[in-house]
Protein backbone atom coordinates (compact mmCIF):
# COMPACT_ATOMS: atom_id res chain seq x y z
CA MET A 1 -14.32 -3.48 -10.52
CA ILE A 2 -13.85 -3.04 -6.80
CA ASN A 3 -12.15 0.11 -5.48
CA LEU A 4 -10.22 -0.71 -2.29
CA LYS A 5 -8.09 2.45 -2.29
CA PRO A 6 -10.29 4.41 0.18
CA LYS A 7 -10.34 1.41 2.53
CA ILE A 8 -6.54 1.08 2.33
CA LEU A 9 -6.00 4.78 3.03
CA GLN A 10 -8.37 4.67 6.01
CA ALA A 11 -6.68 1.57 7.45
CA LEU A 12 -3.17 2.98 7.08
CA GLU A 13 -4.19 6.33 8.62
CA SER A 14 -5.91 4.49 11.48
CA ASN A 15 -2.70 2.66 12.41
CA GLN A 16 -1.51 4.96 15.21
CA ALA A 17 1.90 3.29 15.43
CA LEU A 18 2.44 3.96 11.72
CA VAL A 19 1.26 7.57 11.95
CA SER A 20 3.58 8.10 14.92
CA LEU A 21 6.58 6.69 13.03
CA LEU A 22 5.77 8.97 10.09
CA GLY A 23 5.40 12.05 12.29
CA GLY A 24 1.81 12.56 11.11
CA LYS A 25 -0.61 11.28 8.48
CA ARG A 26 1.97 11.28 5.69
CA ILE A 27 0.16 8.62 3.68
CA TYR A 28 -0.74 9.44 0.10
CA GLN A 29 -2.33 7.85 -2.91
CA LEU A 30 -0.08 7.98 -5.99
CA VAL A 31 1.76 11.28 -5.29
CA ALA A 32 2.95 13.05 -2.16
CA PRO A 33 2.07 16.77 -2.23
CA LYS A 34 5.41 17.77 -0.70
CA PRO A 35 8.31 16.01 -2.44
CA ASP A 36 10.73 16.80 0.40
CA GLU A 37 8.53 15.38 3.21
CA PHE A 38 10.13 12.34 4.86
CA PRO A 39 9.34 9.77 6.01
CA ARG A 40 6.20 9.10 4.03
CA VAL A 41 4.12 6.30 2.54
CA VAL A 42 2.73 6.36 -0.99
CA PHE A 43 0.48 3.67 -2.46
CA TYR A 44 -1.17 2.95 -5.77
CA GLU A 45 -3.09 0.27 -7.60
CA ILE A 46 -0.96 -1.85 -9.93
CA ASP A 47 -3.76 -4.02 -11.30
CA ASN A 48 -7.47 -4.56 -10.80
CA LYS A 49 -8.93 -7.26 -13.00
CA ASP A 50 -11.80 -9.68 -13.09
CA GLY A 51 -10.98 -12.80 -11.12
CA LYS A 52 -13.38 -15.72 -10.96
CA PHE A 53 -16.40 -16.06 -13.22
CA ALA A 54 -19.82 -17.67 -12.92
CA ASP A 55 -22.39 -17.71 -15.70
CA ASP A 56 -20.06 -15.58 -17.85
CA GLU A 57 -19.97 -12.78 -15.25
CA ALA A 58 -17.11 -11.74 -13.00
CA ILE A 59 -17.76 -12.65 -9.38
CA SER A 60 -14.43 -11.46 -7.97
CA SER A 61 -11.68 -8.93 -8.54
CA ASP A 62 -7.96 -9.69 -8.29
CA ILE A 63 -6.25 -6.57 -6.97
CA LYS A 64 -2.56 -5.71 -6.68
CA ILE A 65 -1.32 -2.70 -4.72
CA GLN A 66 2.15 -1.23 -4.27
CA VAL A 67 2.92 0.54 -1.01
CA SER A 68 6.22 2.44 -0.93
CA VAL A 69 8.02 3.73 2.14
CA PHE A 70 10.35 6.69 1.57
CA SER A 71 12.73 7.77 4.33
CA LYS A 72 16.05 9.52 4.93
CA GLY A 73 16.82 6.70 7.40
CA SER A 74 15.73 3.13 8.01
CA THR A 75 12.45 1.98 6.48
CA SER A 76 12.15 -1.19 8.61
CA ALA A 77 9.78 -0.13 11.41
CA ILE A 78 7.49 1.75 9.03
CA ALA A 79 7.45 -1.20 6.61
CA GLN A 80 6.47 -3.57 9.44
CA GLU A 81 3.47 -1.41 10.34
CA VAL A 82 2.42 -1.12 6.69
CA ASP A 83 2.71 -4.89 6.35
CA ARG A 84 0.64 -5.49 9.48
CA THR A 85 -2.08 -3.16 8.19
CA MET A 86 -2.20 -4.59 4.68
CA LYS A 87 -2.42 -8.15 6.00
CA SER A 88 -5.28 -7.11 8.31
CA LEU A 89 -7.16 -6.09 5.14
CA GLY A 90 -6.70 -9.55 3.62
CA PHE A 91 -3.73 -8.75 1.38
CA SER A 92 -0.67 -10.97 1.08
CA ARG A 93 2.77 -9.55 0.27
CA TYR A 94 4.32 -11.07 -2.84
CA ALA A 95 7.32 -8.79 -3.36
CA SER A 96 9.50 -6.40 -1.40
CA THR A 97 12.92 -4.87 -1.91
CA ASP A 98 15.28 -2.33 -0.40
CA LEU A 99 16.33 0.51 -2.69
CA TYR A 100 18.42 3.64 -2.30
CA GLU A 101 17.73 6.53 -4.65
CA GLU A 102 21.12 8.09 -5.29
CA ASP A 103 19.74 11.32 -6.81
CA THR A 104 17.58 12.20 -3.80
CA LYS A 105 19.57 10.32 -1.11
CA VAL A 106 16.37 8.60 0.02
CA PHE A 107 15.77 5.01 1.10
CA HIS A 108 12.82 3.50 -0.76
CA LYS A 109 11.10 0.24 0.16
CA PRO A 110 8.42 -0.80 -2.33
CA MET A 111 6.16 -3.62 -1.15
CA ARG A 112 3.65 -5.33 -3.41
CA TYR A 113 0.44 -6.91 -2.18
CA LYS A 114 -2.37 -8.89 -3.74
CA THR A 115 -5.84 -10.01 -2.80
CA SER A 116 -8.95 -11.46 -4.39
CA VAL A 117 -12.30 -10.01 -3.34
CA MET A 118 -15.72 -11.38 -4.12
CA ILE A 119 -17.84 -8.69 -5.76
CA GLU A 120 -20.67 -9.06 -3.24
CA GLU A 121 -18.13 -8.50 -0.39
CA GLU A 122 -17.58 -4.95 -1.65
């Protein structure tokens, strides 16, 4: 199994345009420490499974990641920077939607990405 989460976090935090839009490095894995901090980005691994096989051994991992943008206003500019960063890492976006969470009055844009990585590329 290949763990790309540290690489994703580093790439998102290195995107200065994204950090500027967020008002700081408000990029978290799985859970944001301050639930009332907006805007912010939260990401997590949806799936990480063996991909291709050779001689009965996995030679690649198929990885799916969800990156969510949470904001009190528009999510568009932040989402574009997230998308640019994820694509630079070799991910392709396969799903995206616009949501509004009535209970918290927050706009939420979940974006799902996938990639396949050869194990020796790790």
